[in-house]
Amino acid sequence: MGLTLTPTLVVVVVLLAVGGAVVARLGGLGHARAVLTASLRAAVQLGVVSLVIAWVIGTPPAIAAFLLVMYGVAAVTAGRRVSKERPWPAAIPVAAGTFPVLAALFGTGVAPMRGVTVIPIAGILLGGCLTATALSGRRALDELRQRRGEVEAALSLGFLDRDANLEICRPAAAQALIPALDQTRTVGLVTLPGAFVGMLLGGAQPLEAGVVQLVVLVSLLAAESIAVLVTVELVARGRFGRTDTPAS
């Protein structure tokens, strides 16, 4: 059981996208055009990716190449969100959060080493680490810029630059974990995440779908925790650029 591509489905999706843009415009949110372009990009990208996955899913070298492309896009997107001046360090926390968790899942045999399993799980983890890196990095930099006086006070007390920065930015950056924590805490009570719903629509038993979703949520929380930790460390060490200038 699943959704069938019909003219009605296309019309409903278009109306939802336009409706979201109208609400953003009338509400003064400033993202009306972005809602439309994001929706259009999602439609095109999902269509292309669906065709690509169908082609690569049985070829290990092609799967590896596809994962590298996914990783590159995640790193670039997160980096631009954190710092346009020096975005490249974002590749480190995205990798640090994603690949050890993938190794744990597939290396222990918890998840079968098949393209149909590797690609979606890697995509979920990369997406989570992208968001965690972008949010924590941006919040950490903003906090250091806004509270520069407190950093300088800590330095005057003998703190090293890294330690002074950590004292100020770590609490704010840690808030990037709140969405993942809330999703994990409320799963089944407020939300039914994509992996669970997808398996049910695909005909899986509810218990089996629940086990898979639990593994995904816990893995995602672990991956995002690592990504946030590494991002904060990089910000504190000044790898994303200076923190004594106004945020752009």
Protein backbone atom coordinates (compact mmCIF):
# COMPACT_ATOMS: atom_id res chain seq x y z
CA MET A 1 0.00 0.00 0.00
CA GLY A 2 1.30 3.48 -0.82
CA LEU A 3 0.66 6.73 -2.60
CA THR A 4 -0.04 6.49 -6.31
CA LEU A 5 1.12 9.14 -8.75
CA THR A 6 -2.12 10.58 -10.08
CA PRO A 7 -3.19 13.98 -11.43
CA THR A 8 -5.00 14.60 -8.14
CA LEU A 9 -1.82 13.98 -6.14
CA VAL A 10 0.11 16.42 -8.34
CA VAL A 11 -2.57 19.11 -7.94
CA VAL A 12 -2.68 18.67 -4.15
CA VAL A 13 1.12 18.91 -3.83
CA VAL A 14 1.19 22.05 -5.99
CA LEU A 15 -1.60 23.65 -3.96
CA LEU A 16 0.20 22.84 -0.70
CA ALA A 17 3.41 24.43 -1.98
CA VAL A 18 1.59 27.53 -3.19
CA GLY A 19 -0.37 27.69 0.06
CA GLY A 20 2.82 27.57 2.09
CA ALA A 21 4.31 30.37 0.00
CA VAL A 22 1.19 32.50 0.39
CA VAL A 23 1.20 32.06 4.16
CA ALA A 24 4.89 32.96 4.31
CA ARG A 25 4.26 36.07 2.20
CA LEU A 26 1.16 37.30 4.04
CA GLY A 27 2.69 36.51 7.41
CA GLY A 28 5.80 38.56 6.67
CA LEU A 29 8.13 35.56 7.12
CA GLY A 30 10.19 36.54 4.10
CA HIS A 31 10.52 33.05 2.61
CA ALA A 32 7.64 32.91 0.13
CA ARG A 33 9.86 32.45 -2.90
CA ALA A 34 12.08 30.03 -1.02
CA VAL A 35 9.09 27.80 -0.24
CA LEU A 36 8.24 27.53 -3.94
CA THR A 37 11.81 27.03 -5.12
CA ALA A 38 12.51 24.48 -2.38
CA SER A 39 9.38 22.53 -3.31
CA LEU A 40 10.30 22.59 -7.00
CA ARG A 41 13.87 21.53 -6.28
CA ALA A 42 12.62 18.71 -4.05
CA ALA A 43 10.36 17.41 -6.82
CA VAL A 44 13.12 17.48 -9.43
CA GLN A 45 15.81 16.11 -7.15
CA LEU A 46 13.65 13.28 -5.82
CA GLY A 47 12.70 12.30 -9.35
CA VAL A 48 16.33 12.21 -10.47
CA VAL A 49 17.52 10.49 -7.29
CA SER A 50 14.83 7.82 -7.62
CA LEU A 51 16.12 6.95 -11.08
CA VAL A 52 19.75 7.05 -9.94
CA ILE A 53 19.13 4.82 -6.92
CA ALA A 54 17.32 2.29 -9.07
CA TRP A 55 20.47 2.13 -11.21
CA VAL A 56 23.18 2.11 -8.50
CA ILE A 57 21.48 -0.02 -5.87
CA GLY A 58 22.99 -3.29 -7.09
CA THR A 59 26.50 -2.00 -7.86
CA PRO A 60 28.84 -1.49 -4.86
CA PRO A 61 31.19 1.02 -6.58
CA ALA A 62 28.19 3.06 -7.71
CA ILE A 63 26.74 2.95 -4.18
CA ALA A 64 30.04 4.22 -2.76
CA ALA A 65 30.15 7.06 -5.31
CA PHE A 66 26.55 7.99 -4.55
CA LEU A 67 27.29 8.11 -0.81
CA LEU A 68 30.30 10.37 -1.43
CA VAL A 69 28.11 12.75 -3.42
CA MET A 70 25.56 12.79 -0.59
CA TYR A 71 28.32 13.48 1.92
CA GLY A 72 29.79 16.27 -0.19
CA VAL A 73 26.44 18.02 -0.56
CA ALA A 74 25.76 17.70 3.19
CA ALA A 75 29.17 19.11 4.09
CA VAL A 76 28.91 22.05 1.66
CA THR A 77 25.37 22.91 2.76
CA ALA A 78 26.24 22.79 6.47
CA GLY A 79 29.43 24.78 5.93
CA ARG A 80 27.66 27.58 4.10
CA ARG A 81 25.11 27.82 6.88
CA VAL A 82 27.84 28.13 9.50
CA SER A 83 30.32 30.42 7.78
CA LYS A 84 30.52 31.78 4.25
CA GLU A 85 34.03 32.92 5.09
CA ARG A 86 35.38 29.42 5.84
CA PRO A 87 32.78 26.70 5.24
CA TRP A 88 35.10 23.73 4.62
CA PRO A 89 35.58 22.62 8.28
CA ALA A 90 31.92 21.52 8.33
CA ALA A 91 33.01 18.40 6.44
CA ILE A 92 34.71 17.16 9.62
CA PRO A 93 31.71 17.02 12.01
CA VAL A 94 29.41 15.67 9.29
CA ALA A 95 31.85 12.79 8.70
CA ALA A 96 32.64 12.33 12.41
CA GLY A 97 28.96 11.91 13.22
CA THR A 98 27.91 9.80 10.25
CA PHE A 99 30.60 7.27 9.44
CA PRO A 100 31.32 5.79 12.90
CA VAL A 101 27.60 5.14 13.37
CA LEU A 102 27.36 3.57 9.91
CA ALA A 103 30.36 1.39 10.77
CA ALA A 104 28.69 0.28 14.01
CA LEU A 105 25.40 -0.58 12.31
CA PHE A 106 26.79 -2.42 9.30
CA GLY A 107 30.01 -3.71 10.83
CA THR A 108 28.11 -5.57 13.55
CA GLY A 109 25.52 -6.91 11.15
CA VAL A 110 22.65 -5.05 12.81
CA ALA A 111 21.78 -3.65 9.38
CA PRO A 112 22.31 -5.78 6.26
CA MET A 113 25.01 -4.59 3.89
CA ARG A 114 22.77 -4.00 0.90
CA GLY A 115 22.34 -0.90 -1.22
CA VAL A 116 18.64 -0.70 -0.42
CA THR A 117 19.59 -0.43 3.27
CA VAL A 118 22.87 1.49 3.15
CA ILE A 119 21.64 4.42 1.06
CA PRO A 120 18.57 5.41 3.11
CA ILE A 121 20.27 4.96 6.49
CA ALA A 122 23.31 6.94 5.34
CA GLY A 123 20.98 9.63 3.99
CA ILE A 124 19.15 9.91 7.28
CA LEU A 125 22.37 10.19 9.27
CA LEU A 126 23.95 12.67 6.85
CA GLY A 127 20.81 14.81 6.95
CA GLY A 128 20.78 14.80 10.74
CA CYS A 129 24.47 15.69 10.97
CA LEU A 130 23.99 18.43 8.38
CA THR A 131 21.29 20.04 10.52
CA ALA A 132 23.17 19.54 13.79
CA THR A 133 26.39 20.99 12.36
CA ALA A 134 24.66 23.98 10.79
CA LEU A 135 22.60 24.84 13.88
CA SER A 136 25.33 24.31 16.47
CA GLY A 137 27.98 26.08 14.42
CA ARG A 138 25.82 29.09 13.69
CA ARG A 139 24.62 29.40 17.28
CA ALA A 140 28.14 29.03 18.63
CA LEU A 141 29.51 31.73 16.34
CA ASP A 142 26.62 34.09 17.06
CA GLU A 143 27.07 33.58 20.80
CA LEU A 144 30.78 34.33 20.65
CA ARG A 145 30.20 37.48 18.62
CA GLN A 146 27.43 38.78 20.86
CA ARG A 147 29.27 37.98 24.09
CA ARG A 148 32.78 38.91 23.01
CA GLY A 149 33.25 40.93 26.17
CA GLU A 150 32.74 37.84 28.33
CA VAL A 151 35.27 35.93 26.26
CA GLU A 152 37.81 38.70 26.75
CA ALA A 153 37.07 38.72 30.48
CA ALA A 154 37.77 34.98 30.64
CA LEU A 155 41.00 35.52 28.73
CA SER A 156 42.05 38.19 31.21
CA LEU A 157 41.57 35.62 34.00
CA GLY A 158 44.07 33.30 32.36
CA PHE A 159 41.82 31.08 30.25
CA LEU A 160 43.24 29.80 26.99
CA ASP A 161 41.45 31.10 23.90
CA ARG A 162 39.83 27.72 23.20
CA ASP A 163 38.67 27.27 26.78
CA ALA A 164 37.26 30.79 26.99
CA ASN A 165 35.33 30.27 23.77
CA LEU A 166 33.97 26.92 24.93
CA GLU A 167 32.68 28.36 28.19
CA ILE A 168 30.60 30.89 26.27
CA CYS A 169 29.42 29.05 23.16
CA ARG A 170 28.93 25.44 24.30
CA PRO A 171 25.54 25.87 26.08
CA ALA A 172 23.99 27.70 23.12
CA ALA A 173 25.39 25.27 20.57
CA ALA A 174 24.11 22.29 22.54
CA GLN A 175 20.55 23.46 21.82
CA ALA A 176 21.03 22.05 18.30
CA LEU A 177 20.31 18.63 19.83
CA ILE A 178 16.86 19.64 21.05
CA PRO A 179 14.97 18.71 17.83
CA ALA A 180 16.51 15.22 17.79
CA LEU A 181 15.86 14.77 21.50
CA ASP A 182 12.24 15.87 21.17
CA GLN A 183 11.68 13.59 18.19
CA THR A 184 13.10 10.62 20.09
CA ARG A 185 11.16 11.37 23.27
CA THR A 186 7.81 11.79 21.53
CA VAL A 187 8.07 9.08 18.87
CA GLY A 188 4.86 7.09 18.76
CA LEU A 189 3.06 9.63 20.94
CA VAL A 190 3.24 12.75 18.81
CA THR A 191 5.09 11.76 15.65
CA LEU A 192 5.38 8.66 13.48
CA PRO A 193 8.70 9.17 11.65
CA GLY A 194 9.37 8.34 8.03
CA ALA A 195 11.12 4.98 8.45
CA PHE A 196 8.24 3.63 10.54
CA VAL A 197 5.51 4.89 8.22
CA GLY A 198 7.42 3.82 5.11
CA MET A 199 7.79 0.26 6.35
CA LEU A 200 4.12 0.06 7.30
CA LEU A 201 3.10 1.30 3.86
CA GLY A 202 5.45 -1.26 2.39
CA GLY A 203 3.66 -4.09 4.18
CA ALA A 204 5.97 -4.68 7.18
CA GLN A 205 4.62 -5.75 10.57
CA PRO A 206 4.21 -2.91 13.10
CA LEU A 207 6.71 -4.47 15.54
CA GLU A 208 9.33 -4.84 12.81
CA ALA A 209 8.78 -1.24 11.72
CA GLY A 210 9.05 -0.10 15.33
CA VAL A 211 12.39 -1.87 15.81
CA VAL A 212 13.82 -0.31 12.66
CA GLN A 213 12.63 3.14 13.68
CA LEU A 214 14.16 2.74 17.15
CA VAL A 215 17.52 1.86 15.63
CA VAL A 216 17.31 4.84 13.30
CA LEU A 217 16.36 7.31 16.05
CA VAL A 218 19.04 6.18 18.50
CA SER A 219 21.66 6.11 15.73
CA LEU A 220 20.62 9.59 14.62
CA LEU A 221 20.85 10.94 18.15
CA ALA A 222 24.35 9.47 18.56
CA ALA A 223 25.50 10.84 15.20
CA GLU A 224 24.15 14.33 15.88
CA SER A 225 25.72 14.38 19.35
CA ILE A 226 29.12 13.68 17.83
CA ALA A 227 28.57 16.27 15.10
CA VAL A 228 27.64 18.96 17.63
CA LEU A 229 30.61 18.12 19.86
CA VAL A 230 33.09 18.32 16.97
CA THR A 231 31.48 21.49 15.57
CA VAL A 232 31.73 23.30 18.90
CA GLU A 233 35.37 22.27 19.22
CA LEU A 234 36.14 23.61 15.73
CA VAL A 235 34.35 26.89 16.45
CA ALA A 236 36.19 27.29 19.76
CA ARG A 237 39.50 26.79 17.95
CA GLY A 238 38.59 29.41 15.34
CA ARG A 239 38.48 27.01 12.40
CA PHE A 240 35.37 28.66 10.96
CA GLY A 241 36.89 32.12 11.03
CA ARG A 242 36.99 35.07 13.37
CA THR A 243 34.42 35.49 16.11
CA ASP A 244 35.08 39.14 16.94
CA THR A 245 33.12 40.56 13.99
CA PRO A 246 29.34 40.94 13.55
CA ALA A 247 27.48 37.96 12.14
CA SER A 248 26.67 38.25 8.43
